Amino acid sequence: MNKICAFLRFALITVLLANTACSQATNYKSCKTASISKNKKNSPIIPGADQIPLYINYLKGKNIGMVINQTSVIGKNLTASVDSLVHLGVNVKKIFGPEHGFRGNASNGATVGDTQDPKTGLPVISLYGNKHYKPTPADLKGIDLMIFDIQDVGVRFYTYISTLHYLMEACAENNVELMIFDRPNPNGYLIDGPVLDTANRSFVGMHPIPIAHGMTIGEYAQMINGEGWLKNGVKCKLKIIKVANYKHNLPYTLPVNPSPNLNTPISILLYPSTCLFEGTTFSLGRGTLFPFAVLGHPALKGKYSFSFTPKSIPGMSENPPQKDQECFGINLQNIPPTDITGTGVINLKWLLELYNAFPDKDHFFNAYFIKLTGTAELRKQIETGKTEDEIRAGWQPGLTKFKAIRKKYLLYE
């Protein structure tokens, strides 16, 4: 009888994973274009969420809350993880959504309110609306276990790790266990950039880490706990469902775009470098269909032949920098991915080149640049004409210290 029950349970799981329904928003890849990344031994990389037998029995009988978005999917057909768990009889009580919302269709920085999921009828609590970054005791009332299942891209200013921090803190304070469905880091090979000075702490940079940290969400959660970064040194009870067959240096193509403006594999690889232009007067392609893959400004007309014009695009960028202005600059859309990953560092050449080409240097940077970089030093170094080698040399002591700390929390090679 036990063998029959076990067989039926696995049969149910198999049927669920074969479900062909795909309800993602149209600005994300369709089920037909999703691809499976493999490691060098040709074994498929399997995210934690896909490994249902590892956690399903642990969830049964508990009241569950889930921090999820459009990347929270299971199986080749990209079934939403909340739908999968509900169909498997898991008692999901609440959904919590990060920046860009539960369905991932809100623009960067847009306020996202509470709502209700029309498919499951579950309440959806925004963790990015009206500064409500941290679940309250009322939010967690009656919840036995929280699940965090969101695709990250391994960059300090990508706010999902800030949401993770506040979730861990709330769980620790309210005696709620946290389970993480770990997912690969598409920039897992990269550990680079200045380490954040905590005097510049904000929601786009909460911890003393470099711009690119080279960790998965599960590893990062262990670091948050282990380094005592939660308020009053509280510790969150963690249970991590690891990624199978994963190593940090393996390429990984995301099956679903992690946010509206990271809409291509090349934009995800360029993001650690080109997002620095958010702290300048330049357009980095918001308001186009190739954000983070083009850089330009109207003042560079005559200096560069490539041009593009940012427009308002609902759900991506309603009011982008240099809206409706023809911008001239650099096109990175066709750069080979290996040209990015092969260097093993954040690209500073584009920042230095365009600063030198810009005619009004007093207005090149904005106040956001220090928040993004986590330090006041990089702007000063650029303005005083420091070379790339001189700038990178200043990062090395902090990077060396961070790598030693990071090593303690790694789950993968």
Protein backbone atom coordinates (compact mmCIF):
# COMPACT_ATOMS: atom_id res chain seq x y z
CA MET A 1 0.00 0.00 0.00
CA ASN A 2 2.84 2.42 0.85
CA LYS A 3 4.46 1.70 -2.50
CA ILE A 4 1.15 2.38 -4.29
CA CYS A 5 0.71 5.69 -2.44
CA ALA A 6 4.25 6.73 -3.29
CA PHE A 7 3.69 5.86 -6.95
CA LEU A 8 0.44 7.84 -7.07
CA ARG A 9 2.13 10.85 -5.46
CA PHE A 10 4.93 10.84 -8.04
CA ALA A 11 2.39 10.34 -10.83
CA LEU A 12 0.50 13.41 -9.66
CA ILE A 13 3.70 15.44 -9.62
CA THR A 14 4.59 14.25 -13.12
CA VAL A 15 1.17 15.24 -14.47
CA LEU A 16 1.45 18.65 -12.82
CA LEU A 17 4.86 19.34 -14.34
CA ALA A 18 3.54 18.31 -17.75
CA ASN A 19 0.77 20.88 -17.55
CA THR A 20 0.99 23.07 -20.62
CA ALA A 21 -0.62 26.14 -19.11
CA CYS A 22 1.53 29.25 -19.20
CA SER A 23 0.06 32.47 -17.79
CA GLN A 24 3.07 34.79 -17.91
CA ALA A 25 2.68 38.42 -18.97
CA THR A 26 3.43 39.12 -22.62
CA ASN A 27 6.68 40.97 -21.93
CA TYR A 28 8.27 37.71 -20.80
CA LYS A 29 9.50 34.81 -22.86
CA SER A 30 6.83 32.32 -23.87
CA CYS A 31 6.95 28.68 -22.88
CA LYS A 32 8.03 27.77 -26.40
CA THR A 33 11.26 29.78 -26.21
CA ALA A 34 12.38 28.62 -22.77
CA SER A 35 15.65 26.68 -22.77
CA ILE A 36 17.35 24.34 -20.33
CA SER A 37 20.93 25.13 -19.41
CA LYS A 38 23.32 22.24 -18.87
CA ASN A 39 26.61 21.87 -17.08
CA LYS A 40 29.80 20.63 -18.69
CA LYS A 41 28.84 17.00 -17.97
CA ASN A 42 25.58 17.60 -19.86
CA SER A 43 23.45 17.25 -16.75
CA PRO A 44 20.59 19.74 -16.67
CA ILE A 45 20.66 22.49 -14.07
CA ILE A 46 17.53 21.95 -11.95
CA PRO A 47 16.29 24.85 -9.79
CA GLY A 48 15.20 24.08 -6.26
CA ALA A 49 11.51 24.68 -7.00
CA ASP A 50 11.53 21.94 -9.65
CA GLN A 51 12.61 19.31 -7.14
CA ILE A 52 9.17 18.82 -5.62
CA PRO A 53 9.87 15.48 -3.88
CA LEU A 54 12.54 17.17 -1.75
CA TYR A 55 10.08 19.48 0.00
CA ILE A 56 6.45 18.56 -0.64
CA ASN A 57 5.99 16.42 2.48
CA TYR A 58 7.62 19.12 4.64
CA LEU A 59 5.01 21.65 3.49
CA LYS A 60 1.96 19.47 4.08
CA GLY A 61 -0.04 20.43 7.15
CA LYS A 62 1.53 23.91 7.40
CA ASN A 63 0.08 27.32 6.61
CA ILE A 64 2.34 28.74 3.89
CA GLY A 65 3.16 32.26 2.70
CA MET A 66 5.09 32.78 -0.54
CA VAL A 67 7.30 35.65 -1.72
CA ILE A 68 7.12 35.16 -5.46
CA ASN A 69 6.86 36.86 -8.83
CA GLN A 70 6.65 35.88 -12.50
CA THR A 71 9.98 33.99 -12.24
CA SER A 72 8.56 31.61 -9.63
CA VAL A 73 7.86 28.74 -11.99
CA ILE A 74 8.20 24.97 -12.01
CA GLY A 75 9.00 22.62 -14.89
CA LYS A 76 9.61 23.02 -18.60
CA ASN A 77 6.16 24.50 -19.08
CA LEU A 78 6.79 27.24 -16.51
CA THR A 79 3.82 26.53 -14.25
CA ALA A 80 3.62 29.14 -11.48
CA SER A 81 4.97 27.60 -8.28
CA VAL A 82 1.97 28.84 -6.27
CA ASP A 83 -0.37 27.07 -8.68
CA SER A 84 1.71 23.90 -8.45
CA LEU A 85 1.68 23.87 -4.66
CA VAL A 86 -2.03 24.63 -4.42
CA HIS A 87 -2.77 21.75 -6.82
CA LEU A 88 -0.62 19.46 -4.69
CA GLY A 89 -2.72 20.24 -1.65
CA VAL A 90 -0.36 22.69 0.05
CA ASN A 91 -2.21 25.21 2.21
CA VAL A 92 -0.93 28.47 0.74
CA LYS A 93 -2.51 31.36 2.68
CA LYS A 94 -0.86 34.51 1.33
CA ILE A 95 1.30 35.77 -1.53
CA PHE A 96 3.87 38.54 -1.10
CA GLY A 97 5.20 40.47 -4.10
CA PRO A 98 8.54 42.38 -4.48
CA GLU A 99 9.48 45.32 -6.74
CA HIS A 100 7.72 45.06 -10.14
CA GLY A 101 4.83 43.23 -8.45
CA PHE A 102 3.63 39.66 -8.15
CA ARG A 103 3.18 39.35 -11.91
CA GLY A 104 6.34 41.37 -12.67
CA ASN A 105 4.63 43.95 -14.88
CA ALA A 106 5.24 47.14 -12.87
CA SER A 107 7.97 49.54 -13.95
CA ASN A 108 11.15 50.07 -11.96
CA GLY A 109 10.44 52.02 -8.79
CA ALA A 110 6.67 52.04 -9.35
CA THR A 111 4.55 51.81 -6.21
CA VAL A 112 2.76 48.45 -6.11
CA GLY A 113 -0.35 48.07 -3.99
CA ASP A 114 -1.96 45.08 -2.30
CA THR A 115 -4.33 43.08 -4.44
CA GLN A 116 -5.85 39.62 -4.93
CA ASP A 117 -4.64 36.89 -7.23
CA PRO A 118 -7.54 36.26 -9.62
CA LYS A 119 -6.52 32.67 -10.28
CA THR A 120 -6.17 31.36 -6.72
CA GLY A 121 -8.17 34.02 -4.90
CA LEU A 122 -5.26 34.48 -2.48
CA PRO A 123 -4.46 37.89 -1.01
CA VAL A 124 -1.32 39.48 -2.48
CA ILE A 125 0.62 41.75 -0.11
CA SER A 126 3.05 44.17 -1.73
CA LEU A 127 6.52 44.44 -0.22
CA TYR A 128 7.28 47.43 -2.43
CA GLY A 129 4.31 49.70 -1.83
CA ASN A 130 4.33 52.76 0.42
CA LYS A 131 7.68 51.77 1.98
CA HIS A 132 6.16 48.49 3.19
CA TYR A 133 9.39 46.55 2.63
CA LYS A 134 9.13 44.32 5.69
CA PRO A 135 6.23 41.97 6.49
CA THR A 136 4.45 43.05 9.66
CA PRO A 137 3.42 40.72 12.49
CA ALA A 138 -0.13 41.01 11.12
CA ASP A 139 1.10 39.95 7.66
CA LEU A 140 2.68 36.84 9.14
CA LYS A 141 -0.09 35.98 11.59
CA GLY A 142 -1.12 32.35 11.16
CA ILE A 143 1.79 31.57 8.83
CA ASP A 144 3.95 28.58 9.81
CA LEU A 145 6.47 28.77 6.99
CA MET A 146 7.41 31.33 4.34
CA ILE A 147 8.79 30.39 0.92
CA PHE A 148 11.09 32.73 -1.04
CA ASP A 149 11.19 31.76 -4.70
CA ILE A 150 12.48 34.60 -6.89
CA GLN A 151 15.09 34.65 -9.64
CA ASP A 152 18.00 36.99 -8.82
CA VAL A 153 20.82 38.23 -11.09
CA GLY A 154 23.66 38.51 -8.56
CA VAL A 155 23.93 42.30 -8.34
CA ARG A 156 23.80 44.39 -5.15
CA PHE A 157 21.40 47.02 -6.43
CA TYR A 158 18.88 44.50 -7.77
CA THR A 159 16.34 44.88 -4.99
CA TYR A 160 15.18 41.30 -4.56
CA ILE A 161 18.02 40.68 -2.08
CA SER A 162 16.83 43.69 -0.06
CA THR A 163 13.37 42.12 0.03
CA LEU A 164 15.05 38.90 1.17
CA HIS A 165 16.77 40.77 4.02
CA TYR A 166 13.54 42.25 5.35
CA LEU A 167 11.70 38.95 4.96
CA MET A 168 14.39 37.12 6.95
CA GLU A 169 14.26 39.77 9.66
CA ALA A 170 10.47 39.54 9.94
CA CYS A 171 10.55 35.74 10.00
CA ALA A 172 13.20 35.74 12.75
CA GLU A 173 11.27 38.23 14.86
CA ASN A 174 7.99 36.32 14.48
CA ASN A 175 9.36 32.78 14.80
CA VAL A 176 8.44 31.78 11.25
CA GLU A 177 10.69 29.41 9.31
CA LEU A 178 11.88 30.42 5.83
CA MET A 179 12.34 27.96 2.98
CA ILE A 180 14.27 29.16 -0.07
CA PHE A 181 13.80 27.56 -3.47
CA ASP A 182 17.27 28.35 -4.74
CA ARG A 183 17.88 29.33 -8.35
CA PRO A 184 21.09 29.78 -10.40
CA ASN A 185 22.80 33.15 -10.62
CA PRO A 186 23.26 34.04 -14.33
CA ASN A 187 26.15 36.29 -13.25
CA GLY A 188 27.52 33.76 -10.79
CA TYR A 189 30.98 33.95 -12.32
CA LEU A 190 31.34 37.64 -11.41
CA ILE A 191 32.65 39.08 -8.12
CA ASP A 192 33.67 42.68 -8.71
CA GLY A 193 33.14 46.34 -7.95
CA PRO A 194 33.61 48.55 -4.91
CA VAL A 195 32.36 47.18 -1.60
CA LEU A 196 29.49 49.26 -0.23
CA ASP A 197 30.30 51.79 2.48
CA THR A 198 27.44 51.29 4.96
CA ALA A 199 27.16 55.09 5.29
CA ASN A 200 25.51 54.85 1.86
CA ARG A 201 23.11 52.07 2.84
CA SER A 202 19.74 52.13 1.03
CA PHE A 203 17.21 49.75 -0.49
CA VAL A 204 19.48 49.45 -3.53
CA GLY A 205 22.45 48.54 -1.34
CA MET A 206 22.02 47.23 2.19
CA HIS A 207 25.15 45.22 2.91
CA PRO A 208 28.94 45.64 2.67
CA ILE A 209 29.33 43.61 -0.52
CA PRO A 210 30.65 44.46 -4.00
CA ILE A 211 28.39 45.35 -6.90
CA ALA A 212 28.48 41.76 -8.19
CA HIS A 213 28.59 39.17 -5.40
CA GLY A 214 28.69 35.84 -7.26
CA MET A 215 26.21 34.05 -5.00
CA THR A 216 22.79 32.44 -5.28
CA ILE A 217 19.88 33.62 -3.15
CA GLY A 218 20.35 30.62 -0.84
CA GLU A 219 24.03 31.37 -0.33
CA TYR A 220 23.29 35.05 0.17
CA ALA A 221 20.67 34.28 2.82
CA GLN A 222 23.24 32.25 4.73
CA MET A 223 25.61 35.22 4.60
CA ILE A 224 22.94 37.60 5.91
CA ASN A 225 22.37 35.27 8.85
CA GLY A 226 26.00 34.41 9.48
CA GLU A 227 27.32 37.95 9.34
CA GLY A 228 24.70 39.26 11.76
CA TRP A 229 23.22 41.76 9.30
CA LEU A 230 19.65 41.43 10.59
CA LYS A 231 18.49 43.98 13.14
CA ASN A 232 19.60 43.20 16.69
CA GLY A 233 21.55 40.23 15.35
CA VAL A 234 18.48 38.00 15.09
CA LYS A 235 18.82 34.77 13.13
CA CYS A 236 16.31 33.44 10.64
CA LYS A 237 15.58 29.70 10.62
CA LEU A 238 16.48 28.69 7.05
CA LYS A 239 15.78 25.63 4.96
CA ILE A 240 17.32 25.78 1.46
CA ILE A 241 16.28 23.58 -1.47
CA LYS A 242 19.48 23.58 -3.51
CA VAL A 243 19.92 23.78 -7.28
CA ALA A 244 21.03 20.47 -8.76
CA ASN A 245 24.09 20.24 -11.04
CA TYR A 246 25.00 23.90 -10.64
CA LYS A 247 28.39 25.63 -10.43
CA HIS A 248 28.96 29.38 -10.24
CA ASN A 249 30.86 29.61 -13.52
CA LEU A 250 28.25 27.77 -15.59
CA PRO A 251 26.27 29.82 -18.10
CA TYR A 252 22.55 29.81 -17.40
CA THR A 253 19.78 31.17 -19.62
CA LEU A 254 16.79 32.28 -17.57
CA PRO A 255 13.48 30.77 -18.73
CA VAL A 256 11.57 33.89 -17.61
CA ASN A 257 12.79 37.48 -17.61
CA PRO A 258 13.50 38.55 -14.00
CA SER A 259 12.07 42.07 -14.48
CA PRO A 260 10.56 44.10 -17.34
CA ASN A 261 13.82 45.77 -18.38
CA LEU A 262 16.03 42.70 -18.13
CA ASN A 263 14.35 41.26 -21.17
CA THR A 264 17.24 39.55 -23.01
CA PRO A 265 20.15 37.33 -21.96
CA ILE A 266 22.60 40.04 -23.06
CA SER A 267 20.90 42.69 -20.91
CA ILE A 268 21.29 40.44 -17.87
CA LEU A 269 25.02 39.99 -18.53
CA LEU A 270 25.49 43.72 -19.18
CA TYR A 271 23.44 44.82 -16.17
CA PRO A 272 26.27 44.89 -13.56
CA SER A 273 28.18 47.33 -15.81
CA THR A 274 25.59 49.41 -17.63
CA CYS A 275 23.23 49.94 -14.69
CA LEU A 276 25.82 52.39 -13.35
CA PHE A 277 24.49 54.80 -15.98
CA GLU A 278 21.30 55.06 -13.88
CA GLY A 279 23.44 57.41 -11.81
CA THR A 280 24.14 59.69 -14.77
CA THR A 281 22.20 61.91 -17.16
CA PHE A 282 22.55 59.26 -19.88
CA SER A 283 19.94 56.94 -21.28
CA LEU A 284 20.79 53.26 -20.88
CA GLY A 285 17.94 52.17 -23.09
CA ARG A 286 14.97 52.39 -20.76
CA GLY A 287 12.09 53.33 -23.02
CA THR A 288 13.37 51.03 -25.76
CA LEU A 289 13.07 47.28 -26.32
CA PHE A 290 16.80 46.86 -25.56
CA PRO A 291 17.36 48.38 -22.10
CA PHE A 292 20.86 48.09 -20.60
CA ALA A 293 22.21 47.24 -24.05
CA VAL A 294 22.49 50.79 -25.46
CA LEU A 295 24.03 53.93 -23.95
CA GLY A 296 23.61 57.46 -25.22
CA HIS A 297 22.77 61.14 -24.83
CA PRO A 298 21.52 63.88 -27.18
CA ALA A 299 24.66 65.95 -26.47
CA LEU A 300 26.84 63.34 -28.20
CA LYS A 301 25.38 64.04 -31.64
CA GLY A 302 28.25 64.26 -34.11
CA LYS A 303 30.56 62.19 -31.87
CA TYR A 304 28.77 58.84 -32.33
CA SER A 305 26.80 57.58 -35.33
CA PHE A 306 24.61 55.07 -33.50
CA SER A 307 21.39 56.56 -32.15
CA PHE A 308 18.12 55.58 -30.47
CA THR A 309 15.11 57.45 -29.07
CA PRO A 310 13.58 56.44 -25.70
CA LYS A 311 9.78 56.42 -25.62
CA SER A 312 7.22 55.80 -22.91
CA ILE A 313 6.53 52.06 -22.69
CA PRO A 314 3.84 51.11 -20.14
CA GLY A 315 4.96 48.30 -17.85
CA MET A 316 8.61 48.88 -18.73
CA SER A 317 9.42 52.58 -18.40
CA GLU A 318 6.73 55.22 -18.55
CA ASN A 319 9.04 58.21 -18.12
CA PRO A 320 12.55 57.16 -19.15
CA PRO A 321 15.60 59.43 -19.05
CA GLN A 322 15.91 61.49 -22.27
CA LYS A 323 12.35 60.58 -23.23
CA ASP A 324 11.56 61.44 -26.87
CA GLN A 325 15.11 62.75 -27.41
CA GLU A 326 17.40 61.17 -30.00
CA CYS A 327 20.39 59.83 -28.12
CA PHE A 328 23.81 59.10 -29.64
CA GLY A 329 26.30 56.66 -28.22
CA ILE A 330 27.20 52.98 -27.96
CA ASN A 331 25.30 49.90 -29.15
CA LEU A 332 26.05 46.74 -27.12
CA GLN A 333 23.20 44.56 -28.38
CA ASN A 334 25.37 42.32 -30.53
CA ILE A 335 28.37 41.97 -28.25
CA PRO A 336 29.26 38.25 -27.88
CA PRO A 337 28.37 37.00 -24.38
CA THR A 338 31.85 35.54 -23.99
CA ASP A 339 33.29 39.03 -24.47
CA ILE A 340 31.43 40.03 -21.32
CA THR A 341 31.96 36.95 -19.17
CA GLY A 342 35.50 36.32 -20.37
CA THR A 343 36.87 39.43 -18.67
CA GLY A 344 35.63 38.39 -15.23
CA VAL A 345 35.16 42.05 -14.27
CA ILE A 346 32.63 44.87 -14.47
CA ASN A 347 33.25 46.96 -17.58
CA LEU A 348 34.43 50.48 -16.69
CA LYS A 349 35.58 51.41 -20.18
CA TRP A 350 32.13 52.54 -21.33
CA LEU A 351 31.66 54.74 -18.26
CA LEU A 352 35.07 56.35 -18.63
CA GLU A 353 34.72 56.78 -22.40
CA LEU A 354 31.32 58.45 -22.25
CA TYR A 355 32.31 60.68 -19.34
CA ASN A 356 35.30 61.90 -21.36
CA ALA A 357 33.13 62.42 -24.44
CA PHE A 358 30.38 64.31 -22.61
CA PRO A 359 30.69 68.10 -23.01
CA ASP A 360 29.03 69.12 -19.71
CA LYS A 361 30.94 67.11 -17.12
CA ASP A 362 29.47 69.05 -14.19
CA HIS A 363 26.11 67.51 -15.03
CA PHE A 364 27.20 64.01 -16.04
CA PHE A 365 26.49 62.38 -12.64
CA ASN A 366 23.39 62.59 -10.47
CA ALA A 367 22.96 61.91 -6.75
CA TYR A 368 21.88 58.32 -7.41
CA PHE A 369 25.37 57.35 -8.57
CA ILE A 370 26.70 57.12 -5.01
CA LYS A 371 23.79 54.89 -3.95
CA LEU A 372 24.40 52.58 -6.89
CA THR A 373 28.14 52.30 -6.44
CA GLY A 374 27.89 52.29 -2.65
CA THR A 375 30.79 54.69 -2.33
CA ALA A 376 31.61 58.34 -3.00
CA GLU A 377 35.07 57.36 -4.23
CA LEU A 378 34.29 56.14 -7.75
CA ARG A 379 32.77 59.44 -8.84
CA LYS A 380 35.74 61.35 -7.42
CA GLN A 381 38.18 59.01 -9.16
CA ILE A 382 36.50 59.49 -12.53
CA GLU A 383 36.27 63.26 -12.14
CA THR A 384 39.95 63.53 -11.21
CA GLY A 385 41.06 61.46 -14.21
CA LYS A 386 42.08 58.22 -12.52
CA THR A 387 42.81 55.39 -14.91
CA GLU A 388 40.86 52.14 -14.96
CA ASP A 389 43.81 50.30 -13.41
CA GLU A 390 44.07 52.85 -10.62
CA ILE A 391 40.36 52.58 -9.90
CA ARG A 392 40.43 48.78 -9.85
CA ALA A 393 43.45 48.74 -7.55
CA GLY A 394 41.39 50.62 -4.98
CA TRP A 395 38.73 47.89 -5.03
CA GLN A 396 41.07 44.99 -4.34
CA PRO A 397 41.42 45.11 -0.52
CA GLY A 398 37.65 45.12 -0.10
CA LEU A 399 37.16 42.39 -2.70
CA THR A 400 39.78 40.17 -1.08
CA LYS A 401 38.08 40.51 2.30
CA PHE A 402 34.63 39.87 0.82
CA LYS A 403 35.75 36.73 -1.03
CA ALA A 404 37.07 35.25 2.22
CA ILE A 405 33.71 35.93 3.90
CA ARG A 406 31.74 34.65 0.91
CA LYS A 407 33.60 31.34 0.92
CA LYS A 408 32.06 30.41 4.27
CA TYR A 409 28.54 30.41 2.88
CA LEU A 410 28.88 28.75 -0.52
CA LEU A 411 26.65 25.83 -1.41
CA TYR A 412 28.17 25.27 -4.87
CA GLU A 413 31.63 25.22 -6.43
